[in-house]
Structures are given as C-alpha cells and as structure tokens.
Amino acid sequence: MDTDHFHDSYEIYYLLSGERHYYIHNRIYALQAGDLVFINKNQLHRTTSRNRSRHERILVNFDDLFLKPAADIVPDLAEMFQGESFLLRPNAHEQGGITDLFQAMLQEQREEALWSRPYLQTLLLQLLIRLDRIRKAKPAVVIPEQSEAQHRVYGIIEYMDAHYGDRLTLGGIAEHFFISSTYLCRTFKQTTGFTVIEYLNYVRIRETKALLRTTDWRMTRIARETGFDSIAHFGRVFKGITGRSPLQYRKQNRG
C-alpha cells in the first residue's frame, strides 16, 4: 500500500482494527474497524494514519481472468465493478460473516491444497455476493471528510485532474488558488498522503497507460499529451511507477 497506489487489478481493503484515513476517488474518508473499501482498476488510492495507532487490515487483489468464473455464474455481479469505487460500513453481524470468508481465503492461500484456485474463486464469489447484498441494503453512503482544508484540496485535485496535460508547476498551481507554495505542499500532503508532484505523476501515468493500451501514438506524442517536458523524463517516471518501460507495457497490454 505504500508504493502500489493504482494497478490493473481490483482490490478489496478490509480494516480489521484501528483507524485510517483513506484517499480514494478524489475524497478522504475516515475509516473505522469493520469498514470495507472496494477499489476499481486503475483507481488512485492511499491510506494514511489517523491517530498513529496500530491497525490491521486484509487486502484482496484479483484481475478479470480470476473473476471470470464468478461473472459467468452471476452476470449482474459485474455491475458492482463499474463506475466509482465504494465504501461499505457493515454492522457487527455482517462483519462476522465477512471476516469468516476472508479468513477462509487466507487459509486456502497459505495451504495451497489441491484445486486451490477454483476453491478461492468460489470463496471470492461468496464474498462478492455478500458485499453486493450489503451495499444494496444500505441506501445511506459514508460521507467523506469535509474540513475547510480538505475542501480546498478537493478543488486542487479536480484542477490537476483536468489540467494534467499542461505544464503545471507548484508555483503555478499555488498562484491559481491564491495560496503560497509552502501551504499548498503542506496541506496537500497532510490531506491525501501524496506530495503534489507525486499525485500529478500518478495521474499522468494512469492516463498514459490508457493511451498505450488504446492508441498507436508514438511515445513522443503520448509524453506531450500527458504533460511531460521530455521523453526521457516521461520514461523515468513511467518505469519508476510501473516497473516497466512504456514500450514494455504496450507490448504486454495490446491484444
């Protein structure tokens, strides 16, 4: 969670104990024990400490190939993966059933017994059905944090999401919002867990990955369209975040 802030797989984050702040889909949520977050593919996310107390969580990552048997059995289940990510706050009874399924998955993964993969897929199907039932039975949504500083950061995030292709600078962003660069850096980091430049690079690489998968554009054009000042800088940032060069990523993700 400290380095892999967006990826091509789905993720379920379940907070067993403690408290965390969770940045997801341009908002900050105050998580408490028992909360569960579903993160869609390529959704930028990060957790940070709320009170520096210890916490325990379970993460489950899976891709479309692993999900396919479940989606074939329950076609409507795929709807819960469309659009934005979501946060659930199950009651105590619901938490017990969810925890049991997570523990069964962890045990199966550790033992690696015969037919382990299909057995894990059946457990995932049970988990997703249970979560979908809980989600549809809870019309009230968990409200994101809304302090004055957080509200200002939300506006800065939306600005960078809309203008990532421009040659943005710390000074330019601060000037646009009539604040100092020092205040911008401090407040943004405290709110999201990302530095301004770190966040901007993640957004640019997320958009770059989509262009590499869906277009035949040359690397120079992709770098220019996503706001990088040079092809060398583009390559360094892309490899630093994804672990691969842009060309390697394109070869691995084109049909």
C-alpha atoms as a PDB file:
ATOM      1  CA  MET A   1       0.000   0.000   0.000  1.00  0.00           C
ATOM      2  CA  ASP A   2       2.984   2.315   0.430  1.00  0.00           C
ATOM      3  CA  THR A   3       4.065   2.065  -3.221  1.00  0.00           C
ATOM      4  CA  ASP A   4       1.391   0.450  -5.407  1.00  0.00           C
ATOM      5  CA  HIS A   5      -1.267   3.159  -5.442  1.00  0.00           C
ATOM      6  CA  PHE A   6      -3.032   2.165  -8.638  1.00  0.00           C
ATOM      7  CA  HIS A   7      -2.959  -1.060 -10.595  1.00  0.00           C
ATOM      8  CA  ASP A   8      -4.692  -3.097 -13.289  1.00  0.00           C
ATOM      9  CA  SER A   9      -6.427  -5.363 -10.764  1.00  0.00           C
ATOM     10  CA  TYR A  10      -9.388  -4.912  -8.435  1.00  0.00           C
ATOM     11  CA  GLU A  11      -8.740  -4.521  -4.724  1.00  0.00           C
ATOM     12  CA  ILE A  12     -10.794  -5.055  -1.578  1.00  0.00           C
ATOM     13  CA  TYR A  13      -9.461  -3.384   1.572  1.00  0.00           C
ATOM     14  CA  TYR A  14     -10.934  -4.539   4.880  1.00  0.00           C
ATOM     15  CA  LEU A  15      -9.923  -2.751   8.081  1.00  0.00           C
ATOM     16  CA  LEU A  16      -9.899  -5.292  10.914  1.00  0.00           C
ATOM     17  CA  SER A  17      -8.797  -2.945  13.695  1.00  0.00           C
ATOM     18  CA  GLY A  18      -7.604   0.599  14.269  1.00  0.00           C
ATOM     19  CA  GLU A  19      -8.430   3.744  12.301  1.00  0.00           C
ATOM     20  CA  ARG A  20      -7.172   5.068   8.966  1.00  0.00           C
ATOM     21  CA  HIS A  21      -7.700   7.939   6.568  1.00  0.00           C
ATOM     22  CA  TYR A  22      -8.351   6.640   3.077  1.00  0.00           C
ATOM     23  CA  TYR A  23      -7.883   8.730  -0.066  1.00  0.00           C
ATOM     24  CA  ILE A  24      -9.951   7.372  -2.947  1.00  0.00           C
ATOM     25  CA  HIS A  25     -11.664   8.905  -5.965  1.00  0.00           C
ATOM     26  CA  ASN A  26     -10.604  12.436  -5.013  1.00  0.00           C
ATOM     27  CA  ARG A  27     -12.060  12.326  -1.496  1.00  0.00           C
ATOM     28  CA  ILE A  28     -10.829  11.457   2.000  1.00  0.00           C
ATOM     29  CA  TYR A  29     -12.727   9.024   4.232  1.00  0.00           C
ATOM     30  CA  ALA A  30     -12.251   8.344   7.941  1.00  0.00           C
ATOM     31  CA  LEU A  31     -12.244   4.543   8.215  1.00  0.00           C
ATOM     32  CA  GLN A  32     -13.052   2.658  11.392  1.00  0.00           C
ATOM     33  CA  ALA A  33     -12.704  -1.026  12.235  1.00  0.00           C
ATOM     34  CA  GLY A  34     -15.071  -3.110  10.088  1.00  0.00           C
ATOM     35  CA  ASP A  35     -15.108  -0.696   7.136  1.00  0.00           C
ATOM     36  CA  LEU A  36     -14.527  -2.145   3.705  1.00  0.00           C
ATOM     37  CA  VAL A  37     -13.407  -0.355   0.552  1.00  0.00           C
ATOM     38  CA  PHE A  38     -13.707  -1.708  -2.973  1.00  0.00           C
ATOM     39  CA  ILE A  39     -11.161  -0.143  -5.361  1.00  0.00           C
ATOM     40  CA  ASN A  40     -11.759  -0.339  -9.081  1.00  0.00           C
ATOM     41  CA  LYS A  41      -8.971  -0.957 -11.586  1.00  0.00           C
ATOM     42  CA  ASN A  42      -6.582   1.970 -12.045  1.00  0.00           C
ATOM     43  CA  GLN A  43      -8.253   3.943  -9.247  1.00  0.00           C
ATOM     44  CA  LEU A  44      -5.691   6.056  -7.397  1.00  0.00           C
ATOM     45  CA  HIS A  45      -5.803   5.361  -3.642  1.00  0.00           C
ATOM     46  CA  ARG A  46      -3.753   5.617  -0.468  1.00  0.00           C
ATOM     47  CA  THR A  47      -4.194   5.133   3.266  1.00  0.00           C
ATOM     48  CA  THR A  48      -2.626   7.267   5.977  1.00  0.00           C
ATOM     49  CA  SER A  49      -2.673   7.212   9.779  1.00  0.00           C
ATOM     50  CA  ARG A  50      -5.458   8.972  11.658  1.00  0.00           C
ATOM     51  CA  ASN A  51      -4.007   8.859  15.162  1.00  0.00           C
ATOM     52  CA  ARG A  52      -0.767   6.878  14.743  1.00  0.00           C
ATOM     53  CA  SER A  53      -2.312   3.869  16.474  1.00  0.00           C
ATOM     54  CA  ARG A  54      -1.657   0.354  15.196  1.00  0.00           C
ATOM     55  CA  HIS A  55      -4.038  -1.090  12.644  1.00  0.00           C
ATOM     56  CA  GLU A  56      -4.654  -4.423  10.962  1.00  0.00           C
ATOM     57  CA  ARG A  57      -6.156  -4.937   7.536  1.00  0.00           C
ATOM     58  CA  ILE A  58      -6.721  -7.558   4.863  1.00  0.00           C
ATOM     59  CA  LEU A  59      -6.137  -6.880   1.171  1.00  0.00           C
ATOM     60  CA  VAL A  60      -7.528  -8.970  -1.671  1.00  0.00           C
ATOM     61  CA  ASN A  61      -6.373  -8.319  -5.241  1.00  0.00           C
ATOM     62  CA  PHE A  62      -7.780 -10.081  -8.304  1.00  0.00           C
ATOM     63  CA  ASP A  63      -7.982  -9.478 -12.036  1.00  0.00           C
ATOM     64  CA  ASP A  64     -10.638 -10.041 -14.712  1.00  0.00           C
ATOM     65  CA  LEU A  65      -9.329 -13.513 -15.536  1.00  0.00           C
ATOM     66  CA  PHE A  66      -9.638 -14.670 -11.917  1.00  0.00           C
ATOM     67  CA  LEU A  67     -13.088 -13.072 -11.690  1.00  0.00           C
ATOM     68  CA  LYS A  68     -14.441 -14.565 -14.910  1.00  0.00           C
ATOM     69  CA  PRO A  69     -15.938 -17.810 -13.457  1.00  0.00           C
ATOM     70  CA  ALA A  70     -17.864 -15.760 -10.871  1.00  0.00           C
ATOM     71  CA  ALA A  71     -19.045 -13.288 -13.523  1.00  0.00           C
ATOM     72  CA  ASP A  72     -20.202 -16.186 -15.715  1.00  0.00           C
ATOM     73  CA  ILE A  73     -22.287 -17.601 -12.860  1.00  0.00           C
ATOM     74  CA  VAL A  74     -23.739 -14.250 -11.732  1.00  0.00           C
ATOM     75  CA  PRO A  75     -23.589 -11.849 -14.713  1.00  0.00           C
ATOM     76  CA  ASP A  76     -25.121  -8.940 -12.774  1.00  0.00           C
ATOM     77  CA  LEU A  77     -22.233  -9.133 -10.324  1.00  0.00           C
ATOM     78  CA  ALA A  78     -20.085  -7.288 -12.838  1.00  0.00           C
ATOM     79  CA  GLU A  79     -22.167  -4.151 -12.232  1.00  0.00           C
ATOM     80  CA  MET A  80     -20.548  -3.612  -8.853  1.00  0.00           C
ATOM     81  CA  PHE A  81     -17.206  -3.117 -10.626  1.00  0.00           C
ATOM     82  CA  GLN A  82     -18.466  -0.404 -12.951  1.00  0.00           C
ATOM     83  CA  GLY A  83     -18.010   3.291 -12.257  1.00  0.00           C
ATOM     84  CA  GLU A  84     -16.654   4.640  -8.992  1.00  0.00           C
ATOM     85  CA  SER A  85     -15.217   2.706  -6.104  1.00  0.00           C
ATOM     86  CA  PHE A  86     -17.306   2.489  -2.959  1.00  0.00           C
ATOM     87  CA  LEU A  87     -17.028   2.179   0.811  1.00  0.00           C
ATOM     88  CA  LEU A  88     -19.180  -0.078   2.990  1.00  0.00           C
ATOM     89  CA  ARG A  89     -19.775   0.112   6.744  1.00  0.00           C
ATOM     90  CA  PRO A  90     -21.258  -3.305   7.650  1.00  0.00           C
ATOM     91  CA  ASN A  91     -22.916  -3.874  11.009  1.00  0.00           C
ATOM     92  CA  ALA A  92     -21.423  -6.250  13.612  1.00  0.00           C
ATOM     93  CA  HIS A  93     -23.345  -9.275  12.347  1.00  0.00           C
ATOM     94  CA  GLU A  94     -22.347  -8.604   8.740  1.00  0.00           C
ATOM     95  CA  GLN A  95     -18.718  -8.104   9.767  1.00  0.00           C
ATOM     96  CA  GLY A  96     -18.645 -11.585  11.292  1.00  0.00           C
ATOM     97  CA  GLY A  97     -19.626 -13.266   8.017  1.00  0.00           C
ATOM     98  CA  ILE A  98     -17.211 -11.133   6.007  1.00  0.00           C
ATOM     99  CA  THR A  99     -14.316 -11.872   8.361  1.00  0.00           C
ATOM    100  CA  ASP A 100     -15.016 -15.613   8.160  1.00  0.00           C
ATOM    101  CA  LEU A 101     -14.786 -15.506   4.353  1.00  0.00           C
ATOM    102  CA  PHE A 102     -11.560 -13.503   4.413  1.00  0.00           C
ATOM    103  CA  GLN A 103     -10.006 -15.907   6.901  1.00  0.00           C
ATOM    104  CA  ALA A 104     -11.039 -18.885   4.745  1.00  0.00           C
ATOM    105  CA  MET A 105      -9.391 -17.233   1.733  1.00  0.00           C
ATOM    106  CA  LEU A 106      -6.197 -16.546   3.677  1.00  0.00           C
ATOM    107  CA  GLN A 107      -6.042 -20.114   4.948  1.00  0.00           C
ATOM    108  CA  GLU A 108      -6.604 -21.551   1.472  1.00  0.00           C
ATOM    109  CA  GLN A 109      -3.899 -19.331   0.028  1.00  0.00           C
ATOM    110  CA  ARG A 110      -1.411 -20.406   2.720  1.00  0.00           C
ATOM    111  CA  GLU A 111      -2.091 -24.141   2.333  1.00  0.00           C
ATOM    112  CA  GLU A 112      -2.051 -24.235  -1.497  1.00  0.00           C
ATOM    113  CA  ALA A 113      -4.016 -27.507  -1.443  1.00  0.00           C
ATOM    114  CA  LEU A 114      -5.420 -29.415  -4.417  1.00  0.00           C
ATOM    115  CA  TRP A 115      -7.824 -27.307  -6.541  1.00  0.00           C
ATOM    116  CA  SER A 116      -6.816 -24.217  -4.595  1.00  0.00           C
ATOM    117  CA  ARG A 117      -7.511 -21.728  -7.404  1.00  0.00           C
ATOM    118  CA  PRO A 118     -11.122 -22.793  -8.141  1.00  0.00           C
ATOM    119  CA  TYR A 119     -11.797 -23.046  -4.407  1.00  0.00           C
ATOM    120  CA  LEU A 120     -10.551 -19.470  -3.929  1.00  0.00           C
ATOM    121  CA  GLN A 121     -12.749 -18.395  -6.839  1.00  0.00           C
ATOM    122  CA  THR A 122     -15.824 -19.865  -5.117  1.00  0.00           C
ATOM    123  CA  LEU A 123     -14.907 -18.039  -1.903  1.00  0.00           C
ATOM    124  CA  LEU A 124     -14.499 -14.798  -3.867  1.00  0.00           C
ATOM    125  CA  LEU A 125     -17.928 -15.336  -5.432  1.00  0.00           C
ATOM    126  CA  GLN A 126     -19.466 -15.784  -1.966  1.00  0.00           C
ATOM    127  CA  LEU A 127     -17.715 -12.651  -0.724  1.00  0.00           C
ATOM    128  CA  LEU A 128     -18.810 -10.509  -3.657  1.00  0.00           C
ATOM    129  CA  ILE A 129     -22.433 -11.657  -3.417  1.00  0.00           C
ATOM    130  CA  ARG A 130     -22.443 -10.886   0.314  1.00  0.00           C
ATOM    131  CA  LEU A 131     -20.938  -7.431  -0.280  1.00  0.00           C
ATOM    132  CA  ASP A 132     -23.404  -6.654  -3.058  1.00  0.00           C
ATOM    133  CA  ARG A 133     -26.325  -7.591  -0.787  1.00  0.00           C
ATOM    134  CA  ILE A 134     -24.982  -5.321   1.952  1.00  0.00           C
ATOM    135  CA  ARG A 135     -24.399  -2.475  -0.487  1.00  0.00           C
ATOM    136  CA  LYS A 136     -27.916  -2.621  -1.934  1.00  0.00           C
ATOM    137  CA  ALA A 137     -29.484  -2.842   1.536  1.00  0.00           C
ATOM    138  CA  LYS A 138     -27.699   0.326   2.718  1.00  0.00           C
ATOM    139  CA  PRO A 139     -29.015   3.371   0.834  1.00  0.00           C
ATOM    140  CA  ALA A 140     -27.059   5.766   3.064  1.00  0.00           C
ATOM    141  CA  VAL A 141     -23.494   6.378   1.910  1.00  0.00           C
ATOM    142  CA  VAL A 142     -20.467   7.121   4.070  1.00  0.00           C
ATOM    143  CA  ILE A 143     -19.750  10.854   3.811  1.00  0.00           C
ATOM    144  CA  PRO A 144     -16.183  11.972   3.022  1.00  0.00           C
ATOM    145  CA  GLU A 145     -14.264  14.333   5.290  1.00  0.00           C
ATOM    146  CA  GLN A 146     -15.233  17.979   4.745  1.00  0.00           C
ATOM    147  CA  SER A 147     -12.950  20.318   6.700  1.00  0.00           C
ATOM    148  CA  GLU A 148     -12.068  23.679   5.156  1.00  0.00           C
ATOM    149  CA  ALA A 149      -8.536  22.495   4.279  1.00  0.00           C
ATOM    150  CA  GLN A 150      -9.812  19.230   2.814  1.00  0.00           C
ATOM    151  CA  HIS A 151     -12.415  21.068   0.749  1.00  0.00           C
ATOM    152  CA  ARG A 152      -9.663  23.283  -0.682  1.00  0.00           C
ATOM    153  CA  VAL A 153      -7.532  20.238  -1.520  1.00  0.00           C
ATOM    154  CA  TYR A 154     -10.503  18.633  -3.303  1.00  0.00           C
ATOM    155  CA  GLY A 155     -10.582  21.668  -5.605  1.00  0.00           C
ATOM    156  CA  ILE A 156      -6.831  21.395  -6.239  1.00  0.00           C
ATOM    157  CA  ILE A 157      -7.209  17.689  -7.069  1.00  0.00           C
ATOM    158  CA  GLU A 158     -10.007  18.400  -9.525  1.00  0.00           C
ATOM    159  CA  TYR A 159      -7.884  21.136 -11.132  1.00  0.00           C
ATOM    160  CA  MET A 160      -4.909  18.803 -11.616  1.00  0.00           C
ATOM    161  CA  ASP A 161      -7.154  16.015 -12.927  1.00  0.00           C
ATOM    162  CA  ALA A 162      -8.461  18.418 -15.574  1.00  0.00           C
ATOM    163  CA  HIS A 163      -5.103  20.015 -16.465  1.00  0.00           C
ATOM    164  CA  TYR A 164      -2.575  17.172 -16.083  1.00  0.00           C
ATOM    165  CA  GLY A 165      -1.651  17.616 -19.760  1.00  0.00           C
ATOM    166  CA  ASP A 166      -0.478  21.195 -19.142  1.00  0.00           C
ATOM    167  CA  ARG A 167       2.989  22.161 -17.938  1.00  0.00           C
ATOM    168  CA  LEU A 168       1.904  22.507 -14.319  1.00  0.00           C
ATOM    169  CA  THR A 169       4.282  23.781 -11.636  1.00  0.00           C
ATOM    170  CA  LEU A 170       3.949  24.116  -7.870  1.00  0.00           C
ATOM    171  CA  GLY A 171       4.148  27.867  -8.164  1.00  0.00           C
ATOM    172  CA  GLY A 172       1.530  27.983 -10.916  1.00  0.00           C
ATOM    173  CA  ILE A 173      -0.926  25.798  -9.023  1.00  0.00           C
ATOM    174  CA  ALA A 174      -0.444  27.822  -5.826  1.00  0.00           C
ATOM    175  CA  GLU A 175      -0.949  31.083  -7.706  1.00  0.00           C
ATOM    176  CA  HIS A 176      -4.127  29.764  -9.354  1.00  0.00           C
ATOM    177  CA  PHE A 177      -5.614  29.086  -5.892  1.00  0.00           C
ATOM    178  CA  PHE A 178      -4.218  32.271  -4.282  1.00  0.00           C
ATOM    179  CA  ILE A 179      -2.137  30.372  -1.718  1.00  0.00           C
ATOM    180  CA  SER A 180       1.576  30.006  -1.065  1.00  0.00           C
ATOM    181  CA  SER A 181       3.569  27.060  -2.413  1.00  0.00           C
ATOM    182  CA  THR A 182       4.505  26.121   1.165  1.00  0.00           C
ATOM    183  CA  TYR A 183       0.863  26.000   2.265  1.00  0.00           C
ATOM    184  CA  LEU A 184      -0.072  24.045  -0.873  1.00  0.00           C
ATOM    185  CA  CYS A 185       2.584  21.365  -0.284  1.00  0.00           C
ATOM    186  CA  ARG A 186       1.884  21.004   3.431  1.00  0.00           C
ATOM    187  CA  THR A 187      -1.913  20.871   3.184  1.00  0.00           C
ATOM    188  CA  PHE A 188      -1.960  18.566   0.168  1.00  0.00           C
ATOM    189  CA  LYS A 189       0.405  16.081   1.822  1.00  0.00           C
ATOM    190  CA  GLN A 190      -1.488  16.134   5.128  1.00  0.00           C
ATOM    191  CA  THR A 191      -4.822  15.578   3.378  1.00  0.00           C
ATOM    192  CA  THR A 192      -4.035  12.969   0.707  1.00  0.00           C
ATOM    193  CA  GLY A 193      -0.769  11.362   1.806  1.00  0.00           C
ATOM    194  CA  PHE A 194       0.732  12.302  -1.585  1.00  0.00           C
ATOM    195  CA  THR A 195       3.021  15.187  -2.425  1.00  0.00           C
ATOM    196  CA  VAL A 196       1.644  17.434  -5.162  1.00  0.00           C
ATOM    197  CA  ILE A 197       4.189  16.253  -7.721  1.00  0.00           C
ATOM    198  CA  GLU A 198       3.753  12.616  -6.712  1.00  0.00           C
ATOM    199  CA  TYR A 199      -0.017  12.872  -7.210  1.00  0.00           C
ATOM    200  CA  LEU A 200       0.396  14.656 -10.553  1.00  0.00           C
ATOM    201  CA  ASN A 201       2.783  11.960 -11.796  1.00  0.00           C
ATOM    202  CA  TYR A 202       0.386   9.184 -10.789  1.00  0.00           C
ATOM    203  CA  VAL A 203      -2.463  10.859 -12.681  1.00  0.00           C
ATOM    204  CA  ARG A 204      -0.285  11.360 -15.742  1.00  0.00           C
ATOM    205  CA  ILE A 205       0.909   7.735 -15.732  1.00  0.00           C
ATOM    206  CA  ARG A 206      -2.641   6.462 -15.258  1.00  0.00           C
ATOM    207  CA  GLU A 207      -3.695   8.395 -18.355  1.00  0.00           C
ATOM    208  CA  THR A 208      -0.539   7.300 -20.183  1.00  0.00           C
ATOM    209  CA  LYS A 209      -1.355   3.635 -19.573  1.00  0.00           C
ATOM    210  CA  ALA A 210      -4.778   4.120 -21.138  1.00  0.00           C
ATOM    211  CA  LEU A 211      -3.234   5.747 -24.223  1.00  0.00           C
ATOM    212  CA  LEU A 212      -0.670   2.959 -24.551  1.00  0.00           C
ATOM    213  CA  ARG A 213      -3.458   0.361 -24.483  1.00  0.00           C
ATOM    214  CA  THR A 214      -5.895   2.111 -26.809  1.00  0.00           C
ATOM    215  CA  THR A 215      -3.865   4.115 -29.350  1.00  0.00           C
ATOM    216  CA  ASP A 216      -0.937   3.676 -31.728  1.00  0.00           C
ATOM    217  CA  TRP A 217       0.504   7.085 -30.877  1.00  0.00           C
ATOM    218  CA  ARG A 218       4.266   7.482 -30.772  1.00  0.00           C
ATOM    219  CA  MET A 219       5.873   7.843 -27.353  1.00  0.00           C
ATOM    220  CA  THR A 220       6.772  11.459 -28.025  1.00  0.00           C
ATOM    221  CA  ARG A 221       3.123  12.336 -28.629  1.00  0.00           C
ATOM    222  CA  ILE A 222       1.933  10.442 -25.543  1.00  0.00           C
ATOM    223  CA  ALA A 223       4.542  12.201 -23.404  1.00  0.00           C
ATOM    224  CA  ARG A 224       3.480  15.584 -24.794  1.00  0.00           C
ATOM    225  CA  GLU A 225      -0.261  14.925 -24.377  1.00  0.00           C
ATOM    226  CA  THR A 226       0.178  13.896 -20.729  1.00  0.00           C
ATOM    227  CA  GLY A 227       2.248  16.906 -19.701  1.00  0.00           C
ATOM    228  CA  PHE A 228       5.822  15.572 -19.599  1.00  0.00           C
ATOM    229  CA  ASP A 229       8.518  18.042 -20.590  1.00  0.00           C
ATOM    230  CA  SER A 230      10.774  15.434 -22.236  1.00  0.00           C
ATOM    231  CA  ILE A 231      10.681  11.838 -23.444  1.00  0.00           C
ATOM    232  CA  ALA A 232      13.498  10.977 -21.007  1.00  0.00           C
ATOM    233  CA  HIS A 233      11.558  12.346 -18.019  1.00  0.00           C
ATOM    234  CA  PHE A 234       8.455  10.517 -19.214  1.00  0.00           C
ATOM    235  CA  GLY A 235      10.331   7.210 -19.401  1.00  0.00           C
ATOM    236  CA  ARG A 236      11.907   7.608 -15.944  1.00  0.00           C
ATOM    237  CA  VAL A 237       8.620   8.439 -14.222  1.00  0.00           C
ATOM    238  CA  PHE A 238       6.708   5.681 -16.027  1.00  0.00           C
ATOM    239  CA  LYS A 239       9.248   2.999 -15.113  1.00  0.00           C
ATOM    240  CA  GLY A 240       9.540   4.286 -11.560  1.00  0.00           C
ATOM    241  CA  ILE A 241       5.795   3.869 -11.019  1.00  0.00           C
ATOM    242  CA  THR A 242       5.005   0.764 -13.085  1.00  0.00           C
ATOM    243  CA  GLY A 243       8.336  -1.088 -13.012  1.00  0.00           C
ATOM    244  CA  ARG A 244       8.297  -1.324 -16.823  1.00  0.00           C
ATOM    245  CA  SER A 245       9.156   0.916 -19.740  1.00  0.00           C
ATOM    246  CA  PRO A 246       6.261   2.395 -21.744  1.00  0.00           C
ATOM    247  CA  LEU A 247       7.158   0.148 -24.690  1.00  0.00           C
ATOM    248  CA  GLN A 248       7.150  -2.974 -22.492  1.00  0.00           C
ATOM    249  CA  TYR A 249       3.775  -2.002 -21.059  1.00  0.00           C
ATOM    250  CA  ARG A 250       2.304  -1.507 -24.528  1.00  0.00           C
ATOM    251  CA  LYS A 251       3.556  -4.900 -25.747  1.00  0.00           C
ATOM    252  CA  GLN A 252       2.130  -6.658 -22.686  1.00  0.00           C
ATOM    253  CA  ASN A 253      -1.276  -4.983 -22.872  1.00  0.00           C
ATOM    254  CA  ARG A 254      -2.188  -4.980 -26.535  1.00  0.00           C
ATOM    255  CA  GLY A 255      -4.268  -7.803 -27.987  1.00  0.00           C
END
